[in-house]
N, C-alpha and C. Protein backbone atom coordinates (compact mmCIF):
# COMPACT_ATOMS: atom_id res chain seq x y z
N MET A 1 0.85 -1.20 0.00
CA MET A 1 0.00 0.00 0.00
C MET A 1 0.88 1.24 0.00
N SER A 2 0.44 2.27 -0.71
CA SER A 2 1.22 3.49 -0.75
C SER A 2 1.15 4.19 0.59
N SER A 3 2.13 5.11 0.83
CA SER A 3 2.17 5.82 2.10
C SER A 3 2.36 7.29 1.84
N GLY A 4 2.36 8.09 2.93
CA GLY A 4 2.55 9.53 2.78
C GLY A 4 1.26 10.21 2.40
N SER A 5 1.41 11.39 1.77
CA SER A 5 0.24 12.20 1.42
C SER A 5 -0.38 11.80 0.10
N ALA A 6 0.27 10.87 -0.64
CA ALA A 6 -0.26 10.44 -1.92
C ALA A 6 -1.57 9.69 -1.72
N GLN A 7 -2.37 9.63 -2.79
CA GLN A 7 -3.64 8.92 -2.72
C GLN A 7 -3.37 7.45 -2.39
N PRO A 8 -4.03 6.89 -1.36
CA PRO A 8 -3.75 5.50 -0.98
C PRO A 8 -4.06 4.54 -2.12
N THR A 9 -3.16 3.59 -2.35
CA THR A 9 -3.30 2.65 -3.45
C THR A 9 -3.00 1.24 -2.95
N LEU A 10 -3.84 0.30 -3.34
CA LEU A 10 -3.66 -1.10 -2.98
C LEU A 10 -3.41 -1.93 -4.23
N SER A 11 -2.49 -2.87 -4.13
CA SER A 11 -2.35 -3.84 -5.21
C SER A 11 -3.54 -4.80 -5.14
N VAL A 12 -3.74 -5.57 -6.19
CA VAL A 12 -4.84 -6.53 -6.19
C VAL A 12 -4.66 -7.54 -5.06
N SER A 13 -3.42 -7.99 -4.84
CA SER A 13 -3.16 -8.95 -3.76
C SER A 13 -3.37 -8.32 -2.39
N ASP A 14 -2.95 -7.07 -2.22
CA ASP A 14 -3.16 -6.39 -0.94
C ASP A 14 -4.65 -6.30 -0.62
N ALA A 15 -5.42 -5.88 -1.63
CA ALA A 15 -6.87 -5.74 -1.43
C ALA A 15 -7.51 -7.09 -1.15
N ALA A 16 -7.10 -8.12 -1.90
CA ALA A 16 -7.67 -9.45 -1.70
C ALA A 16 -7.33 -9.99 -0.31
N ALA A 17 -6.12 -9.70 0.17
CA ALA A 17 -5.71 -10.16 1.50
C ALA A 17 -6.57 -9.51 2.59
N ILE A 18 -6.85 -8.23 2.43
CA ILE A 18 -7.69 -7.54 3.41
C ILE A 18 -9.11 -8.08 3.36
N ARG A 19 -9.62 -8.30 2.15
CA ARG A 19 -10.97 -8.83 2.01
C ARG A 19 -11.04 -10.26 2.56
N LEU A 20 -9.95 -11.01 2.40
CA LEU A 20 -9.90 -12.36 2.97
C LEU A 20 -10.04 -12.29 4.49
N LYS A 21 -9.30 -11.41 5.11
CA LYS A 21 -9.38 -11.27 6.57
C LYS A 21 -10.78 -10.83 6.99
N GLN A 22 -11.39 -9.91 6.22
CA GLN A 22 -12.74 -9.45 6.55
C GLN A 22 -13.75 -10.59 6.44
N ALA A 23 -13.61 -11.41 5.38
CA ALA A 23 -14.52 -12.53 5.19
C ALA A 23 -14.34 -13.58 6.29
N ARG A 24 -13.09 -13.84 6.65
CA ARG A 24 -12.81 -14.80 7.73
C ARG A 24 -13.40 -14.31 9.05
N THR A 25 -13.22 -13.03 9.33
CA THR A 25 -13.72 -12.46 10.58
C THR A 25 -15.24 -12.53 10.65
N ARG A 26 -15.89 -12.28 9.51
CA ARG A 26 -17.36 -12.36 9.49
C ARG A 26 -17.84 -13.78 9.81
N ARG A 27 -17.04 -14.78 9.45
CA ARG A 27 -17.42 -16.15 9.78
C ARG A 27 -17.12 -16.49 11.24
N GLY A 28 -16.42 -15.59 11.93
CA GLY A 28 -16.06 -15.85 13.32
C GLY A 28 -14.92 -16.83 13.45
N TRP A 29 -14.10 -16.95 12.39
CA TRP A 29 -13.00 -17.90 12.39
C TRP A 29 -11.69 -17.22 12.73
N THR A 30 -10.82 -17.96 13.39
CA THR A 30 -9.43 -17.52 13.56
C THR A 30 -8.64 -17.96 12.33
N VAL A 31 -7.40 -17.50 12.25
CA VAL A 31 -6.54 -17.94 11.15
C VAL A 31 -6.35 -19.45 11.20
N LYS A 32 -6.23 -20.00 12.41
CA LYS A 32 -6.07 -21.45 12.55
C LYS A 32 -7.32 -22.19 12.09
N ASP A 33 -8.49 -21.61 12.35
CA ASP A 33 -9.74 -22.22 11.88
C ASP A 33 -9.74 -22.29 10.36
N LEU A 34 -9.36 -21.18 9.72
CA LEU A 34 -9.35 -21.15 8.26
C LEU A 34 -8.33 -22.14 7.71
N ALA A 35 -7.16 -22.21 8.34
CA ALA A 35 -6.14 -23.16 7.90
C ALA A 35 -6.64 -24.60 8.01
N ALA A 36 -7.37 -24.90 9.07
CA ALA A 36 -7.90 -26.25 9.26
C ALA A 36 -8.89 -26.60 8.16
N ARG A 37 -9.71 -25.64 7.78
CA ARG A 37 -10.69 -25.88 6.73
C ARG A 37 -10.02 -25.98 5.36
N CYS A 38 -8.94 -25.22 5.17
CA CYS A 38 -8.17 -25.35 3.93
C CYS A 38 -7.56 -26.75 3.85
N ALA A 39 -7.06 -27.24 4.98
CA ALA A 39 -6.49 -28.59 5.01
C ALA A 39 -7.55 -29.63 4.69
N ASP A 40 -8.75 -29.44 5.23
CA ASP A 40 -9.85 -30.35 4.95
C ASP A 40 -10.19 -30.36 3.46
N ALA A 41 -9.95 -29.21 2.80
CA ALA A 41 -10.24 -29.10 1.37
C ALA A 41 -9.07 -29.56 0.51
N GLY A 42 -8.01 -30.04 1.15
CA GLY A 42 -6.86 -30.56 0.41
C GLY A 42 -5.75 -29.56 0.19
N ALA A 43 -5.84 -28.39 0.82
CA ALA A 43 -4.82 -27.35 0.65
C ALA A 43 -4.00 -27.24 1.93
N GLU A 44 -3.25 -28.32 2.23
CA GLU A 44 -2.46 -28.34 3.46
C GLU A 44 -1.37 -27.28 3.49
N LYS A 45 -0.94 -26.82 2.30
CA LYS A 45 0.13 -25.82 2.25
C LYS A 45 -0.33 -24.44 2.74
N LEU A 46 -1.64 -24.23 2.78
CA LEU A 46 -2.15 -22.97 3.31
C LEU A 46 -2.27 -23.09 4.82
N THR A 47 -1.13 -23.11 5.46
CA THR A 47 -1.07 -23.23 6.92
C THR A 47 -1.46 -21.92 7.58
N ALA A 48 -1.59 -21.95 8.89
CA ALA A 48 -1.92 -20.72 9.62
C ALA A 48 -0.84 -19.68 9.43
N ALA A 49 0.42 -20.10 9.39
CA ALA A 49 1.52 -19.16 9.19
C ALA A 49 1.46 -18.52 7.81
N VAL A 50 1.18 -19.34 6.81
CA VAL A 50 1.09 -18.81 5.44
C VAL A 50 -0.08 -17.84 5.32
N LEU A 51 -1.22 -18.22 5.87
CA LEU A 51 -2.40 -17.36 5.81
C LEU A 51 -2.16 -16.05 6.56
N ALA A 52 -1.46 -16.12 7.67
CA ALA A 52 -1.15 -14.90 8.42
C ALA A 52 -0.25 -13.98 7.60
N ASN A 53 0.72 -14.56 6.90
CA ASN A 53 1.59 -13.75 6.03
C ASN A 53 0.79 -13.11 4.91
N ILE A 54 -0.17 -13.86 4.37
CA ILE A 54 -1.01 -13.31 3.30
C ILE A 54 -1.84 -12.15 3.82
N GLU A 55 -2.49 -12.35 4.96
CA GLU A 55 -3.39 -11.32 5.49
C GLU A 55 -2.64 -10.07 5.94
N THR A 56 -1.47 -10.23 6.50
CA THR A 56 -0.74 -9.07 7.01
C THR A 56 0.07 -8.37 5.92
N GLY A 57 0.25 -9.04 4.78
CA GLY A 57 1.00 -8.43 3.69
C GLY A 57 2.46 -8.23 4.03
N ARG A 58 3.04 -9.21 4.68
CA ARG A 58 4.45 -9.11 5.11
C ARG A 58 5.35 -8.80 3.91
N ARG A 59 6.24 -7.83 4.10
CA ARG A 59 7.11 -7.36 3.02
C ARG A 59 8.56 -7.81 3.21
N ASP A 60 9.29 -7.83 2.07
CA ASP A 60 10.73 -8.06 2.16
C ASP A 60 11.44 -6.73 2.32
N GLU A 61 12.76 -6.74 2.25
CA GLU A 61 13.53 -5.51 2.47
C GLU A 61 13.29 -4.46 1.40
N ASN A 62 12.72 -4.88 0.25
CA ASN A 62 12.42 -3.94 -0.83
C ASN A 62 10.97 -3.48 -0.82
N GLY A 63 10.23 -3.89 0.20
CA GLY A 63 8.83 -3.47 0.30
C GLY A 63 7.88 -4.29 -0.54
N VAL A 64 8.36 -5.41 -1.08
CA VAL A 64 7.52 -6.27 -1.93
C VAL A 64 6.88 -7.35 -1.07
N ARG A 65 5.61 -7.63 -1.34
CA ARG A 65 4.92 -8.68 -0.59
C ARG A 65 5.69 -9.99 -0.68
N ARG A 66 5.88 -10.64 0.47
CA ARG A 66 6.53 -11.95 0.46
C ARG A 66 5.61 -13.02 -0.10
N ARG A 67 4.32 -12.78 -0.02
CA ARG A 67 3.37 -13.81 -0.42
C ARG A 67 2.20 -13.19 -1.16
N GLU A 68 2.10 -13.48 -2.45
CA GLU A 68 0.96 -13.03 -3.24
C GLU A 68 -0.14 -14.09 -3.18
N LEU A 69 -1.33 -13.71 -3.60
CA LEU A 69 -2.45 -14.65 -3.69
C LEU A 69 -2.62 -15.05 -5.15
N SER A 70 -2.65 -16.34 -5.41
CA SER A 70 -2.87 -16.81 -6.78
C SER A 70 -4.37 -16.94 -7.04
N ILE A 71 -4.72 -17.03 -8.32
CA ILE A 71 -6.13 -17.24 -8.68
C ILE A 71 -6.63 -18.55 -8.09
N ASP A 72 -5.82 -19.60 -8.15
CA ASP A 72 -6.22 -20.89 -7.59
C ASP A 72 -6.55 -20.76 -6.10
N GLU A 73 -5.73 -19.99 -5.39
CA GLU A 73 -5.95 -19.83 -3.95
C GLU A 73 -7.18 -18.99 -3.66
N ILE A 74 -7.42 -17.98 -4.46
CA ILE A 74 -8.62 -17.16 -4.27
C ILE A 74 -9.87 -18.01 -4.44
N VAL A 75 -9.87 -18.85 -5.47
CA VAL A 75 -11.03 -19.72 -5.71
C VAL A 75 -11.19 -20.72 -4.56
N LEU A 76 -10.09 -21.31 -4.13
CA LEU A 76 -10.16 -22.28 -3.03
C LEU A 76 -10.64 -21.62 -1.74
N LEU A 77 -10.08 -20.46 -1.42
CA LEU A 77 -10.47 -19.77 -0.19
C LEU A 77 -11.94 -19.34 -0.24
N ALA A 78 -12.39 -18.90 -1.41
CA ALA A 78 -13.80 -18.53 -1.54
C ALA A 78 -14.69 -19.75 -1.31
N THR A 79 -14.26 -20.90 -1.84
CA THR A 79 -15.02 -22.13 -1.65
C THR A 79 -15.10 -22.50 -0.17
N VAL A 80 -13.97 -22.43 0.50
CA VAL A 80 -13.92 -22.77 1.93
C VAL A 80 -14.77 -21.80 2.76
N LEU A 81 -14.77 -20.53 2.35
CA LEU A 81 -15.52 -19.50 3.09
C LEU A 81 -16.99 -19.44 2.68
N ASP A 82 -17.36 -20.26 1.69
CA ASP A 82 -18.74 -20.29 1.19
C ASP A 82 -19.18 -18.95 0.62
N ILE A 83 -18.28 -18.32 -0.15
CA ILE A 83 -18.60 -17.07 -0.83
C ILE A 83 -18.15 -17.18 -2.28
N ALA A 84 -18.60 -16.27 -3.11
CA ALA A 84 -18.15 -16.24 -4.50
C ALA A 84 -16.76 -15.63 -4.57
N PRO A 85 -15.91 -16.07 -5.51
CA PRO A 85 -14.56 -15.51 -5.62
C PRO A 85 -14.54 -14.00 -5.76
N VAL A 86 -15.57 -13.44 -6.40
CA VAL A 86 -15.59 -11.99 -6.60
C VAL A 86 -15.61 -11.23 -5.28
N HIS A 87 -16.09 -11.89 -4.20
CA HIS A 87 -16.14 -11.22 -2.90
C HIS A 87 -14.77 -11.10 -2.25
N LEU A 88 -13.76 -11.73 -2.84
CA LEU A 88 -12.39 -11.55 -2.37
C LEU A 88 -11.62 -10.59 -3.27
N MET A 89 -12.32 -9.99 -4.21
CA MET A 89 -11.70 -9.08 -5.17
C MET A 89 -12.22 -7.66 -4.94
N GLY A 90 -11.48 -6.69 -5.43
CA GLY A 90 -11.93 -5.31 -5.33
C GLY A 90 -11.47 -4.63 -4.06
N LEU A 91 -11.91 -3.39 -3.89
CA LEU A 91 -11.50 -2.61 -2.72
C LEU A 91 -12.11 -3.17 -1.44
N PRO A 92 -11.37 -3.15 -0.35
CA PRO A 92 -11.89 -3.69 0.91
C PRO A 92 -13.04 -2.84 1.46
N ASP A 93 -13.88 -3.46 2.25
CA ASP A 93 -14.93 -2.72 2.94
C ASP A 93 -14.27 -1.75 3.91
N GLY A 94 -14.80 -0.52 3.96
CA GLY A 94 -14.27 0.46 4.89
C GLY A 94 -12.96 1.08 4.46
N ALA A 95 -12.57 0.89 3.20
CA ALA A 95 -11.32 1.49 2.72
C ALA A 95 -11.43 3.01 2.76
N GLU A 96 -10.31 3.67 3.03
CA GLU A 96 -10.27 5.12 3.09
C GLU A 96 -10.79 5.72 1.79
N ALA A 97 -11.55 6.81 1.88
CA ALA A 97 -12.09 7.46 0.69
C ALA A 97 -10.96 7.81 -0.28
N GLY A 98 -11.19 7.49 -1.55
CA GLY A 98 -10.19 7.79 -2.56
C GLY A 98 -9.17 6.69 -2.78
N THR A 99 -9.25 5.62 -1.97
CA THR A 99 -8.30 4.51 -2.15
C THR A 99 -8.46 3.91 -3.54
N GLN A 100 -7.34 3.66 -4.18
CA GLN A 100 -7.35 3.12 -5.54
C GLN A 100 -6.91 1.66 -5.55
N LEU A 101 -7.41 0.93 -6.54
CA LEU A 101 -6.96 -0.44 -6.78
C LEU A 101 -6.05 -0.42 -8.00
N GLN A 102 -4.82 -0.87 -7.84
CA GLN A 102 -3.83 -0.84 -8.92
C GLN A 102 -4.04 -2.05 -9.81
N LEU A 103 -4.72 -1.85 -10.94
CA LEU A 103 -5.01 -2.94 -11.86
C LEU A 103 -3.81 -3.26 -12.74
N THR A 104 -3.11 -2.21 -13.17
CA THR A 104 -1.87 -2.36 -13.93
C THR A 104 -0.91 -1.28 -13.42
N PRO A 105 0.37 -1.35 -13.80
CA PRO A 105 1.29 -0.29 -13.37
C PRO A 105 0.85 1.11 -13.80
N GLN A 106 0.04 1.19 -14.88
CA GLN A 106 -0.41 2.49 -15.37
C GLN A 106 -1.87 2.80 -15.04
N LEU A 107 -2.61 1.86 -14.49
CA LEU A 107 -4.04 2.06 -14.26
C LEU A 107 -4.44 1.72 -12.83
N ALA A 108 -4.94 2.74 -12.12
CA ALA A 108 -5.47 2.56 -10.77
C ALA A 108 -6.84 3.21 -10.71
N ILE A 109 -7.81 2.52 -10.12
CA ILE A 109 -9.20 2.99 -10.10
C ILE A 109 -9.72 3.02 -8.67
N SER A 110 -10.45 4.09 -8.35
CA SER A 110 -11.01 4.23 -7.00
C SER A 110 -12.52 4.03 -6.96
N ASP A 111 -13.14 3.86 -8.12
CA ASP A 111 -14.59 3.68 -8.20
C ASP A 111 -14.94 2.24 -7.82
N ARG A 112 -15.39 2.05 -6.59
CA ARG A 112 -15.68 0.71 -6.07
C ARG A 112 -16.72 -0.02 -6.93
N GLU A 113 -17.78 0.69 -7.30
CA GLU A 113 -18.85 0.07 -8.08
C GLU A 113 -18.34 -0.35 -9.46
N LEU A 114 -17.56 0.51 -10.10
CA LEU A 114 -17.00 0.18 -11.41
C LEU A 114 -16.12 -1.06 -11.34
N ILE A 115 -15.27 -1.13 -10.32
CA ILE A 115 -14.37 -2.27 -10.18
C ILE A 115 -15.16 -3.56 -10.05
N LEU A 116 -16.18 -3.55 -9.20
CA LEU A 116 -16.98 -4.75 -8.98
C LEU A 116 -17.71 -5.16 -10.26
N GLU A 117 -18.29 -4.18 -10.96
CA GLU A 117 -19.02 -4.49 -12.19
C GLU A 117 -18.07 -4.99 -13.27
N TRP A 118 -16.84 -4.48 -13.27
CA TRP A 118 -15.85 -4.97 -14.24
C TRP A 118 -15.49 -6.42 -13.94
N PHE A 119 -15.25 -6.73 -12.66
CA PHE A 119 -14.94 -8.10 -12.28
C PHE A 119 -16.07 -9.05 -12.68
N CYS A 120 -17.30 -8.57 -12.61
CA CYS A 120 -18.46 -9.40 -12.92
C CYS A 120 -18.80 -9.39 -14.41
N GLY A 121 -18.02 -8.67 -15.22
CA GLY A 121 -18.27 -8.63 -16.65
C GLY A 121 -19.46 -7.79 -17.04
N GLN A 122 -19.80 -6.80 -16.21
CA GLN A 122 -20.99 -5.99 -16.46
C GLN A 122 -20.68 -4.59 -16.96
N ARG A 123 -19.43 -4.16 -16.87
CA ARG A 123 -19.09 -2.79 -17.25
C ARG A 123 -17.63 -2.71 -17.68
N ALA A 124 -17.40 -2.02 -18.79
CA ALA A 124 -16.03 -1.90 -19.31
C ALA A 124 -15.25 -0.83 -18.57
N LEU A 125 -13.94 -0.99 -18.52
CA LEU A 125 -13.08 0.01 -17.89
C LEU A 125 -12.95 1.22 -18.80
N PRO A 126 -12.77 2.40 -18.24
CA PRO A 126 -12.55 3.60 -19.06
C PRO A 126 -11.33 3.42 -19.96
N GLY A 127 -11.49 3.81 -21.22
CA GLY A 127 -10.37 3.73 -22.16
C GLY A 127 -10.18 2.37 -22.79
N SER A 128 -10.98 1.38 -22.38
CA SER A 128 -10.85 0.05 -22.96
C SER A 128 -11.72 -0.06 -24.20
N ASP A 129 -11.59 -1.16 -24.92
CA ASP A 129 -12.40 -1.42 -26.11
C ASP A 129 -13.76 -1.95 -25.64
N ALA A 130 -14.72 -1.05 -25.47
CA ALA A 130 -16.03 -1.43 -24.93
C ALA A 130 -16.73 -2.43 -25.83
N ARG A 131 -16.55 -2.30 -27.14
CA ARG A 131 -17.21 -3.24 -28.06
C ARG A 131 -16.70 -4.66 -27.81
N GLN A 132 -15.40 -4.81 -27.67
CA GLN A 132 -14.82 -6.12 -27.39
C GLN A 132 -15.28 -6.65 -26.03
N PHE A 133 -15.33 -5.76 -25.03
CA PHE A 133 -15.72 -6.16 -23.68
C PHE A 133 -17.13 -6.72 -23.67
N TYR A 134 -18.09 -5.98 -24.23
CA TYR A 134 -19.48 -6.43 -24.17
C TYR A 134 -19.75 -7.60 -25.11
N SER A 135 -19.00 -7.70 -26.20
CA SER A 135 -19.14 -8.86 -27.08
C SER A 135 -18.72 -10.12 -26.35
N ALA A 136 -17.59 -10.03 -25.61
CA ALA A 136 -17.13 -11.18 -24.83
C ALA A 136 -18.12 -11.50 -23.72
N ALA A 137 -18.68 -10.46 -23.09
CA ALA A 137 -19.64 -10.68 -22.01
C ALA A 137 -20.88 -11.42 -22.51
N LEU A 138 -21.32 -11.07 -23.72
CA LEU A 138 -22.50 -11.71 -24.29
C LEU A 138 -22.30 -13.21 -24.49
N GLN A 139 -21.07 -13.60 -24.81
CA GLN A 139 -20.79 -15.01 -25.06
C GLN A 139 -20.86 -15.85 -23.79
N ARG A 140 -20.69 -15.20 -22.63
CA ARG A 140 -20.67 -15.93 -21.37
C ARG A 140 -21.97 -15.82 -20.59
N MET A 141 -22.79 -14.83 -20.94
CA MET A 141 -24.01 -14.60 -20.17
C MET A 141 -25.14 -15.51 -20.61
N PRO A 142 -25.97 -15.96 -19.66
CA PRO A 142 -27.19 -16.68 -20.04
C PRO A 142 -28.13 -15.73 -20.76
N ALA A 143 -29.01 -16.28 -21.57
CA ALA A 143 -29.91 -15.46 -22.39
C ALA A 143 -30.71 -14.49 -21.54
N SER A 144 -31.10 -14.92 -20.34
CA SER A 144 -31.94 -14.07 -19.49
C SER A 144 -31.20 -12.82 -19.01
N ASP A 145 -29.86 -12.87 -19.01
CA ASP A 145 -29.07 -11.73 -18.51
C ASP A 145 -28.41 -10.93 -19.62
N SER A 146 -28.66 -11.32 -20.87
CA SER A 146 -27.91 -10.72 -21.97
C SER A 146 -28.49 -9.39 -22.46
N GLN A 147 -29.72 -9.07 -22.09
CA GLN A 147 -30.36 -7.86 -22.61
C GLN A 147 -29.58 -6.61 -22.25
N GLN A 148 -29.11 -6.51 -21.00
CA GLN A 148 -28.35 -5.34 -20.59
C GLN A 148 -27.02 -5.27 -21.32
N ALA A 149 -26.39 -6.42 -21.54
CA ALA A 149 -25.12 -6.43 -22.27
C ALA A 149 -25.32 -5.97 -23.71
N VAL A 150 -26.44 -6.38 -24.32
CA VAL A 150 -26.74 -5.93 -25.68
C VAL A 150 -26.92 -4.41 -25.69
N ALA A 151 -27.65 -3.90 -24.69
CA ALA A 151 -27.87 -2.45 -24.61
C ALA A 151 -26.54 -1.72 -24.42
N ASP A 152 -25.67 -2.26 -23.57
CA ASP A 152 -24.37 -1.63 -23.34
C ASP A 152 -23.50 -1.67 -24.59
N LEU A 153 -23.54 -2.81 -25.29
CA LEU A 153 -22.77 -2.93 -26.53
C LEU A 153 -23.28 -1.94 -27.56
N THR A 154 -24.61 -1.84 -27.70
CA THR A 154 -25.19 -0.90 -28.65
C THR A 154 -24.79 0.53 -28.31
N ARG A 155 -24.85 0.86 -27.03
CA ARG A 155 -24.46 2.21 -26.61
C ARG A 155 -23.00 2.50 -26.92
N SER A 156 -22.14 1.52 -26.66
CA SER A 156 -20.71 1.74 -26.92
C SER A 156 -20.43 1.94 -28.40
N VAL A 157 -21.15 1.18 -29.25
CA VAL A 157 -20.97 1.33 -30.70
C VAL A 157 -21.46 2.70 -31.15
N LEU A 158 -22.62 3.12 -30.63
CA LEU A 158 -23.16 4.42 -31.00
C LEU A 158 -22.26 5.56 -30.51
N GLU A 159 -21.73 5.42 -29.30
CA GLU A 159 -20.83 6.45 -28.78
C GLU A 159 -19.56 6.54 -29.62
N GLU A 160 -19.07 5.38 -30.05
CA GLU A 160 -17.86 5.37 -30.89
C GLU A 160 -18.14 6.03 -32.23
N ARG A 161 -19.30 5.71 -32.81
CA ARG A 161 -19.67 6.29 -34.10
C ARG A 161 -19.88 7.79 -33.96
N ALA A 162 -20.53 8.21 -32.87
CA ALA A 162 -20.77 9.64 -32.65
C ALA A 162 -19.46 10.39 -32.51
N ALA A 163 -18.49 9.77 -31.84
CA ALA A 163 -17.18 10.42 -31.68
C ALA A 163 -16.50 10.61 -33.02
N VAL A 164 -16.61 9.60 -33.89
CA VAL A 164 -16.01 9.69 -35.23
C VAL A 164 -16.69 10.79 -36.04
N LEU A 165 -18.03 10.82 -35.99
CA LEU A 165 -18.77 11.83 -36.75
C LEU A 165 -18.46 13.23 -36.24
N THR A 166 -18.36 13.38 -34.92
CA THR A 166 -18.04 14.69 -34.34
C THR A 166 -16.66 15.15 -34.77
N GLU A 167 -15.71 14.24 -34.76
CA GLU A 167 -14.35 14.58 -35.17
C GLU A 167 -14.32 14.99 -36.64
N THR A 168 -15.06 14.25 -37.48
CA THR A 168 -15.11 14.56 -38.91
C THR A 168 -15.76 15.92 -39.14
N PHE A 169 -16.87 16.17 -38.43
CA PHE A 169 -17.57 17.44 -38.57
C PHE A 169 -16.67 18.61 -38.17
N ASN A 170 -16.02 18.47 -37.02
CA ASN A 170 -15.14 19.55 -36.55
C ASN A 170 -13.99 19.80 -37.51
N SER A 171 -13.47 18.73 -38.08
CA SER A 171 -12.37 18.87 -39.04
C SER A 171 -12.84 19.59 -40.30
N ASN A 172 -14.00 19.18 -40.80
CA ASN A 172 -14.54 19.82 -42.01
C ASN A 172 -14.90 21.28 -41.75
N LEU A 173 -15.46 21.54 -40.56
CA LEU A 173 -15.83 22.91 -40.22
C LEU A 173 -14.59 23.80 -40.16
N ALA A 174 -13.54 23.30 -39.54
CA ALA A 174 -12.31 24.08 -39.44
C ALA A 174 -11.73 24.36 -40.83
N ALA A 175 -11.78 23.35 -41.70
CA ALA A 175 -11.25 23.53 -43.06
C ALA A 175 -12.08 24.55 -43.84
N THR A 176 -13.41 24.49 -43.67
CA THR A 176 -14.28 25.44 -44.36
C THR A 176 -14.04 26.86 -43.86
N MET A 177 -13.87 27.03 -42.55
CA MET A 177 -13.60 28.36 -42.00
C MET A 177 -12.27 28.91 -42.52
N ASP A 178 -11.30 28.04 -42.67
CA ASP A 178 -10.01 28.47 -43.23
C ASP A 178 -10.19 28.97 -44.66
N LYS A 179 -11.01 28.25 -45.42
CA LYS A 179 -11.25 28.66 -46.81
C LYS A 179 -11.99 30.00 -46.87
N ILE A 180 -12.96 30.17 -45.96
CA ILE A 180 -13.71 31.42 -45.94
C ILE A 180 -12.80 32.58 -45.56
N ASN A 181 -11.98 32.39 -44.54
CA ASN A 181 -11.05 33.46 -44.13
C ASN A 181 -10.08 33.81 -45.24
N SER A 182 -9.61 32.80 -45.95
CA SER A 182 -8.70 33.05 -47.07
C SER A 182 -9.41 33.81 -48.18
N ALA A 183 -10.69 33.43 -48.42
CA ALA A 183 -11.45 34.10 -49.48
C ALA A 183 -11.73 35.56 -49.11
N ILE A 184 -12.02 35.81 -47.83
CA ILE A 184 -12.26 37.19 -47.38
C ILE A 184 -11.01 38.03 -47.58
N LYS A 185 -9.87 37.49 -47.21
CA LYS A 185 -8.61 38.21 -47.38
C LYS A 185 -8.31 38.48 -48.85
N ALA A 186 -8.79 37.59 -49.71
CA ALA A 186 -8.55 37.75 -51.15
C ALA A 186 -9.58 38.67 -51.80
N GLY A 187 -10.55 39.18 -50.99
CA GLY A 187 -11.55 40.09 -51.53
C GLY A 187 -12.70 39.41 -52.22
N ALA A 188 -13.07 38.22 -51.80
CA ALA A 188 -14.18 37.50 -52.43
C ALA A 188 -15.49 38.24 -52.23
N SER A 189 -16.38 38.10 -53.20
CA SER A 189 -17.70 38.74 -53.13
C SER A 189 -18.60 37.95 -52.20
N PRO A 190 -19.72 38.56 -51.73
CA PRO A 190 -20.66 37.82 -50.89
C PRO A 190 -21.15 36.54 -51.56
N GLU A 191 -21.35 36.62 -52.90
CA GLU A 191 -21.83 35.45 -53.61
C GLU A 191 -20.80 34.32 -53.56
N GLU A 192 -19.53 34.70 -53.71
CA GLU A 192 -18.47 33.68 -53.67
C GLU A 192 -18.35 33.06 -52.27
N LEU A 193 -18.53 33.91 -51.25
CA LEU A 193 -18.49 33.39 -49.89
C LEU A 193 -19.66 32.45 -49.62
N ALA A 194 -20.84 32.84 -50.12
CA ALA A 194 -22.02 31.99 -49.94
C ALA A 194 -21.84 30.65 -50.63
N ALA A 195 -21.16 30.68 -51.76
CA ALA A 195 -20.94 29.44 -52.50
C ALA A 195 -20.11 28.45 -51.69
N LEU A 196 -19.21 28.99 -50.87
CA LEU A 196 -18.38 28.11 -50.05
C LEU A 196 -19.19 27.35 -49.00
N LEU A 197 -20.36 27.93 -48.65
CA LEU A 197 -21.22 27.29 -47.64
C LEU A 197 -22.33 26.47 -48.26
N GLY A 198 -22.44 26.50 -49.57
CA GLY A 198 -23.53 25.81 -50.24
C GLY A 198 -23.35 24.30 -50.27
N PRO A 199 -24.43 23.56 -50.55
CA PRO A 199 -24.37 22.09 -50.57
C PRO A 199 -23.47 21.55 -51.67
N ASP A 200 -23.23 22.35 -52.71
CA ASP A 200 -22.39 21.88 -53.81
C ASP A 200 -20.92 22.11 -53.55
N ASN A 201 -20.58 22.75 -52.42
CA ASN A 201 -19.18 22.99 -52.09
C ASN A 201 -18.48 21.65 -51.88
N PRO A 202 -17.44 21.35 -52.62
CA PRO A 202 -16.80 20.05 -52.52
C PRO A 202 -16.10 19.81 -51.20
N GLY A 203 -15.98 20.87 -50.36
CA GLY A 203 -15.33 20.70 -49.06
C GLY A 203 -13.84 20.78 -49.19
N PRO A 204 -13.14 20.56 -48.11
CA PRO A 204 -11.70 20.71 -48.10
C PRO A 204 -11.02 19.68 -48.98
N LYS A 205 -9.96 20.10 -49.62
CA LYS A 205 -9.18 19.21 -50.48
C LYS A 205 -8.02 18.63 -49.70
């Protein structure tokens, strides 16, 4: 986790470790209780000591977590805790306002709802290919849940098209204004200026 006056930021593993502790505490289990249940599930390597290192985020001399959480472990722990894996993902409950989740070295997001919806395949991340996101979501969703994904995909396509049309319009408008200004400087007549705005004007070359 970041320190100082900078906006607090958690890695995915840091956030998952905190959520793991919160989920364990809600069950009224100690770390030893959780380790015993992991052993019952065939994960003897997730001992109480290992789980404690995961939850506390123990660091090495370079400040790097000594123990990350793997996808396999998140799924196993969710199974043992009788929760969905997504409940071990995202920002922890009660996180300081403005806390960000570091998804990539260049992308950190503080919108809790957006993060959860992204994990669930319900909402695309800002700046991502929304068309690809919702197309993939449609392939995994049952028919009863696909209507919203279709609406989101349609919206993303329309927004993309609108952005292209707006850019084209602004470009053409700027080019036309340049032509008009040049014509005015050259002493064009009102009729010649009007012709530049007419439907037969071929537009910028």
